Amino acid sequence: MSVSIPLKSSKLVSWKPVRVNVSYYCLVPNASTIHKRSFCYTNLFHALLQTGRLQQTLAGCVERNGVGLHSGKLSSVRLWPELASRGRYFEFRCRSIPAAVEFAQVSPLCTSLSKDGFRIRTVEHLLSALEASGVDNCRIEIEGFDDKEIDAEVTFWKHCLVPWKEDE
């Protein structure tokens, strides 16, 4: 059974961590010897940390426009797929605010994230939907429609968990 909501097309995809070994030879100046050098790295398109499971992101962009639940102001929220090990983070006014406890701020009636004087409110519903659906990496762009605001609110996502799930 599928849900016919715009989020339906946003199936989850995974990137598998791949470790790459690189070897090369270098000639030491003033000595006729060649040394073999080698190192390992993980490709940027793959997970940097092994978590024991594949990391997941969205297959495409999802956008919602609406009114903030507490502020009553218009805002636009876009969810973008992100590379593995980037995590979930918000972008507002060219500022990046990670969805982490270190950036949580005490607010009445909602959960807020704050960094460098910029604050995003009512993030709890969206973040819980991402967590419940297994989305590990996601860039969340928020646009308020007032250019002078340093405060934004995530648009209310009605039935936010249902559209993310899809029976296969």
C-alpha atoms as a PDB file:
ATOM      1  CA  MET A   1       0.000   0.000   0.000  1.00  0.00           C
ATOM      2  CA  SER A   2       1.402   3.376  -0.985  1.00  0.00           C
ATOM      3  CA  VAL A   3       0.533   6.853   0.150  1.00  0.00           C
ATOM      4  CA  SER A   4      -0.250   9.307  -2.649  1.00  0.00           C
ATOM      5  CA  ILE A   5       1.539  12.338  -1.248  1.00  0.00           C
ATOM      6  CA  PRO A   6       4.425  14.228  -2.942  1.00  0.00           C
ATOM      7  CA  LEU A   7       6.908  12.584  -0.573  1.00  0.00           C
ATOM      8  CA  LYS A   8       6.097   9.173  -2.039  1.00  0.00           C
ATOM      9  CA  SER A   9       8.742   9.564  -4.732  1.00  0.00           C
ATOM     10  CA  SER A  10      11.460  10.168  -2.149  1.00  0.00           C
ATOM     11  CA  LYS A  11      12.613   6.599  -1.687  1.00  0.00           C
ATOM     12  CA  LEU A  12      15.653   6.026   0.456  1.00  0.00           C
ATOM     13  CA  VAL A  13      19.001   5.179  -1.084  1.00  0.00           C
ATOM     14  CA  SER A  14      22.215   4.054   0.567  1.00  0.00           C
ATOM     15  CA  TRP A  15      25.902   4.507  -0.001  1.00  0.00           C
ATOM     16  CA  LYS A  16      28.145   1.642   0.931  1.00  0.00           C
ATOM     17  CA  PRO A  17      31.409   2.547   2.699  1.00  0.00           C
ATOM     18  CA  VAL A  18      34.398   1.706   0.498  1.00  0.00           C
ATOM     19  CA  ARG A  19      37.991   1.917   1.678  1.00  0.00           C
ATOM     20  CA  VAL A  20      40.523   2.688  -1.035  1.00  0.00           C
ATOM     21  CA  ASN A  21      44.182   1.696  -0.811  1.00  0.00           C
ATOM     22  CA  VAL A  22      46.613   3.794  -2.840  1.00  0.00           C
ATOM     23  CA  SER A  23      50.229   2.911  -3.516  1.00  0.00           C
ATOM     24  CA  TYR A  24      52.807   4.894  -5.431  1.00  0.00           C
ATOM     25  CA  TYR A  25      56.549   4.952  -5.901  1.00  0.00           C
ATOM     26  CA  CYS A  26      58.794   7.936  -5.370  1.00  0.00           C
ATOM     27  CA  LEU A  27      62.420   8.519  -6.270  1.00  0.00           C
ATOM     28  CA  VAL A  28      64.497   9.980  -3.459  1.00  0.00           C
ATOM     29  CA  PRO A  29      66.676  12.880  -4.732  1.00  0.00           C
ATOM     30  CA  ASN A  30      70.453  12.348  -4.583  1.00  0.00           C
ATOM     31  CA  ALA A  31      69.903   8.656  -4.009  1.00  0.00           C
ATOM     32  CA  SER A  32      69.130   6.092  -6.607  1.00  0.00           C
ATOM     33  CA  THR A  33      66.513   4.331  -4.529  1.00  0.00           C
ATOM     34  CA  ILE A  34      62.827   4.090  -5.090  1.00  0.00           C
ATOM     35  CA  HIS A  35      60.510   3.929  -2.101  1.00  0.00           C
ATOM     36  CA  LYS A  36      57.013   2.575  -2.134  1.00  0.00           C
ATOM     37  CA  ARG A  37      54.469   4.722  -0.310  1.00  0.00           C
ATOM     38  CA  SER A  38      50.901   3.743   0.421  1.00  0.00           C
ATOM     39  CA  PHE A  39      47.940   5.146   2.284  1.00  0.00           C
ATOM     40  CA  CYS A  40      44.241   4.482   2.721  1.00  0.00           C
ATOM     41  CA  TYR A  41      41.281   6.804   2.456  1.00  0.00           C
ATOM     42  CA  THR A  42      37.537   6.644   2.094  1.00  0.00           C
ATOM     43  CA  ASN A  43      36.000   8.236  -0.965  1.00  0.00           C
ATOM     44  CA  LEU A  44      33.928  11.381  -0.191  1.00  0.00           C
ATOM     45  CA  PHE A  45      30.925   9.765  -1.822  1.00  0.00           C
ATOM     46  CA  HIS A  46      31.032   6.973   0.709  1.00  0.00           C
ATOM     47  CA  ALA A  47      30.800   6.765   4.479  1.00  0.00           C
ATOM     48  CA  LEU A  48      33.744   8.063   6.445  1.00  0.00           C
ATOM     49  CA  LEU A  49      32.827   6.105   9.549  1.00  0.00           C
ATOM     50  CA  GLN A  50      31.736   2.495   9.780  1.00  0.00           C
ATOM     51  CA  THR A  51      28.400   2.363  11.593  1.00  0.00           C
ATOM     52  CA  GLY A  52      27.650  -1.314  11.119  1.00  0.00           C
ATOM     53  CA  ARG A  53      24.876  -0.539   8.624  1.00  0.00           C
ATOM     54  CA  LEU A  54      24.476   1.390   5.413  1.00  0.00           C
ATOM     55  CA  GLN A  55      23.720   5.075   5.784  1.00  0.00           C
ATOM     56  CA  GLN A  56      20.620   6.396   4.067  1.00  0.00           C
ATOM     57  CA  THR A  57      19.506   9.643   2.469  1.00  0.00           C
ATOM     58  CA  LEU A  58      16.667  10.829   0.258  1.00  0.00           C
ATOM     59  CA  ALA A  59      16.515  10.013  -3.439  1.00  0.00           C
ATOM     60  CA  GLY A  60      15.503  13.566  -4.377  1.00  0.00           C
ATOM     61  CA  CYS A  61      14.489  16.999  -3.138  1.00  0.00           C
ATOM     62  CA  VAL A  62      11.253  17.543  -1.211  1.00  0.00           C
ATOM     63  CA  GLU A  63       9.796  21.016  -0.622  1.00  0.00           C
ATOM     64  CA  ARG A  64       7.005  22.285   1.607  1.00  0.00           C
ATOM     65  CA  ASN A  65       5.733  25.837   2.032  1.00  0.00           C
ATOM     66  CA  GLY A  66       3.457  26.942   4.800  1.00  0.00           C
ATOM     67  CA  VAL A  67       2.878  28.822   7.990  1.00  0.00           C
ATOM     68  CA  GLY A  68       4.894  28.236  11.159  1.00  0.00           C
ATOM     69  CA  LEU A  69       2.836  26.651  13.933  1.00  0.00           C
ATOM     70  CA  HIS A  70       3.783  29.131  16.687  1.00  0.00           C
ATOM     71  CA  SER A  71       4.958  32.218  14.795  1.00  0.00           C
ATOM     72  CA  GLY A  72       2.272  32.299  12.100  1.00  0.00           C
ATOM     73  CA  LYS A  73       4.919  33.433   9.585  1.00  0.00           C
ATOM     74  CA  LEU A  74       5.395  31.971   6.121  1.00  0.00           C
ATOM     75  CA  SER A  75       8.391  29.728   5.560  1.00  0.00           C
ATOM     76  CA  SER A  76       9.725  27.288   3.008  1.00  0.00           C
ATOM     77  CA  VAL A  77      11.475  24.013   3.864  1.00  0.00           C
ATOM     78  CA  ARG A  78      13.494  21.969   1.357  1.00  0.00           C
ATOM     79  CA  LEU A  79      14.977  18.561   2.148  1.00  0.00           C
ATOM     80  CA  TRP A  80      17.984  17.624   0.019  1.00  0.00           C
ATOM     81  CA  PRO A  81      19.903  14.341  -0.195  1.00  0.00           C
ATOM     82  CA  GLU A  82      23.320  14.566   1.407  1.00  0.00           C
ATOM     83  CA  LEU A  83      26.545  12.581   1.203  1.00  0.00           C
ATOM     84  CA  ALA A  84      27.251   9.863   3.743  1.00  0.00           C
ATOM     85  CA  SER A  85      28.591  10.931   7.157  1.00  0.00           C
ATOM     86  CA  ARG A  86      27.377  14.520   6.753  1.00  0.00           C
ATOM     87  CA  GLY A  87      24.438  13.970   9.099  1.00  0.00           C
ATOM     88  CA  ARG A  88      21.267  16.005   9.322  1.00  0.00           C
ATOM     89  CA  TYR A  89      21.725  19.762   9.366  1.00  0.00           C
ATOM     90  CA  PHE A  90      19.770  22.937   8.743  1.00  0.00           C
ATOM     91  CA  GLU A  91      20.809  25.788   6.466  1.00  0.00           C
ATOM     92  CA  PHE A  92      19.361  29.214   7.143  1.00  0.00           C
ATOM     93  CA  ARG A  93      20.746  32.512   5.830  1.00  0.00           C
ATOM     94  CA  CYS A  94      23.927  30.778   4.604  1.00  0.00           C
ATOM     95  CA  ARG A  95      24.524  29.395   8.097  1.00  0.00           C
ATOM     96  CA  SER A  96      24.764  25.700   8.861  1.00  0.00           C
ATOM     97  CA  ILE A  97      23.199  24.466  12.106  1.00  0.00           C
ATOM     98  CA  PRO A  98      23.723  20.751  12.846  1.00  0.00           C
ATOM     99  CA  ALA A  99      20.758  18.842  14.251  1.00  0.00           C
ATOM    100  CA  ALA A 100      22.655  18.002  17.430  1.00  0.00           C
ATOM    101  CA  VAL A 101      22.018  18.334  21.163  1.00  0.00           C
ATOM    102  CA  GLU A 102      24.910  20.799  21.490  1.00  0.00           C
ATOM    103  CA  PHE A 103      22.880  23.375  19.527  1.00  0.00           C
ATOM    104  CA  ALA A 104      19.548  22.823  21.320  1.00  0.00           C
ATOM    105  CA  GLN A 105      18.095  25.840  23.091  1.00  0.00           C
ATOM    106  CA  VAL A 106      15.406  26.121  25.731  1.00  0.00           C
ATOM    107  CA  SER A 107      12.178  27.346  24.129  1.00  0.00           C
ATOM    108  CA  PRO A 108       8.572  27.310  25.303  1.00  0.00           C
ATOM    109  CA  LEU A 109       6.341  24.809  23.460  1.00  0.00           C
ATOM    110  CA  CYS A 110       8.958  23.691  20.920  1.00  0.00           C
ATOM    111  CA  THR A 111      12.495  22.498  20.270  1.00  0.00           C
ATOM    112  CA  SER A 112      14.906  25.106  18.907  1.00  0.00           C
ATOM    113  CA  LEU A 113      18.393  24.910  17.452  1.00  0.00           C
ATOM    114  CA  SER A 114      20.652  27.949  17.653  1.00  0.00           C
ATOM    115  CA  LYS A 115      24.107  28.868  16.372  1.00  0.00           C
ATOM    116  CA  ASP A 116      25.858  32.225  15.898  1.00  0.00           C
ATOM    117  CA  GLY A 117      22.714  34.137  16.879  1.00  0.00           C
ATOM    118  CA  PHE A 118      20.495  32.386  14.322  1.00  0.00           C
ATOM    119  CA  ARG A 119      17.657  30.208  15.591  1.00  0.00           C
ATOM    120  CA  ILE A 120      15.381  27.599  14.016  1.00  0.00           C
ATOM    121  CA  ARG A 121      12.249  26.606  15.922  1.00  0.00           C
ATOM    122  CA  THR A 122       9.853  23.617  15.887  1.00  0.00           C
ATOM    123  CA  VAL A 123      12.366  21.157  14.485  1.00  0.00           C
ATOM    124  CA  GLU A 124      11.136  18.187  16.527  1.00  0.00           C
ATOM    125  CA  HIS A 125       8.460  16.856  14.148  1.00  0.00           C
ATOM    126  CA  LEU A 126      10.667  16.920  11.074  1.00  0.00           C
ATOM    127  CA  LEU A 127      13.675  15.425  12.876  1.00  0.00           C
ATOM    128  CA  SER A 128      11.576  12.638  14.396  1.00  0.00           C
ATOM    129  CA  ALA A 129      10.166  11.800  10.943  1.00  0.00           C
ATOM    130  CA  LEU A 130      13.701  11.635   9.515  1.00  0.00           C
ATOM    131  CA  GLU A 131      14.861   9.439  12.399  1.00  0.00           C
ATOM    132  CA  ALA A 132      11.866   7.097  12.183  1.00  0.00           C
ATOM    133  CA  SER A 133      12.309   6.643   8.444  1.00  0.00           C
ATOM    134  CA  GLY A 134      16.029   5.932   8.769  1.00  0.00           C
ATOM    135  CA  VAL A 135      17.348   9.044   6.997  1.00  0.00           C
ATOM    136  CA  ASP A 136      20.880   9.551   8.341  1.00  0.00           C
ATOM    137  CA  ASN A 137      22.083  12.330   6.026  1.00  0.00           C
ATOM    138  CA  CYS A 138      19.942  15.255   4.924  1.00  0.00           C
ATOM    139  CA  ARG A 139      20.419  18.972   4.239  1.00  0.00           C
ATOM    140  CA  ILE A 140      17.389  20.958   5.372  1.00  0.00           C
ATOM    141  CA  GLU A 141      17.148  24.424   3.824  1.00  0.00           C
ATOM    142  CA  ILE A 142      14.829  26.899   5.497  1.00  0.00           C
ATOM    143  CA  GLU A 143      13.782  30.200   3.999  1.00  0.00           C
ATOM    144  CA  GLY A 144      11.831  32.788   5.903  1.00  0.00           C
ATOM    145  CA  PHE A 145      10.126  35.356   3.749  1.00  0.00           C
ATOM    146  CA  ASP A 146      11.486  38.296   5.750  1.00  0.00           C
ATOM    147  CA  ASP A 147      15.084  39.131   4.811  1.00  0.00           C
ATOM    148  CA  LYS A 148      15.903  40.726   8.174  1.00  0.00           C
ATOM    149  CA  GLU A 149      14.817  37.825  10.384  1.00  0.00           C
ATOM    150  CA  ILE A 150      17.437  35.836  12.283  1.00  0.00           C
ATOM    151  CA  ASP A 151      14.740  33.488  13.516  1.00  0.00           C
ATOM    152  CA  ALA A 152      12.970  30.846  11.406  1.00  0.00           C
ATOM    153  CA  GLU A 153      10.367  28.199  12.064  1.00  0.00           C
ATOM    154  CA  VAL A 154       9.964  24.843  10.351  1.00  0.00           C
ATOM    155  CA  THR A 155       6.670  24.597   8.490  1.00  0.00           C
ATOM    156  CA  PHE A 156       4.175  22.310  10.194  1.00  0.00           C
ATOM    157  CA  TRP A 157       4.242  18.865   8.549  1.00  0.00           C
ATOM    158  CA  LYS A 158       0.805  17.315   8.942  1.00  0.00           C
ATOM    159  CA  HIS A 159       0.985  13.501   9.097  1.00  0.00           C
ATOM    160  CA  CYS A 160       4.730  13.921   8.801  1.00  0.00           C
ATOM    161  CA  LEU A 161       5.658  10.264   9.284  1.00  0.00           C
ATOM    162  CA  VAL A 162       3.131   8.617   6.950  1.00  0.00           C
ATOM    163  CA  PRO A 163       4.466   9.936   3.597  1.00  0.00           C
ATOM    164  CA  TRP A 164       8.008   8.739   4.282  1.00  0.00           C
ATOM    165  CA  LYS A 165       6.999   5.098   4.528  1.00  0.00           C
ATOM    166  CA  GLU A 166       6.276   3.025   1.479  1.00  0.00           C
ATOM    167  CA  ASP A 167       5.461  -0.684   1.295  1.00  0.00           C
ATOM    168  CA  GLU A 168       7.514  -2.582  -1.235  1.00  0.00           C
END
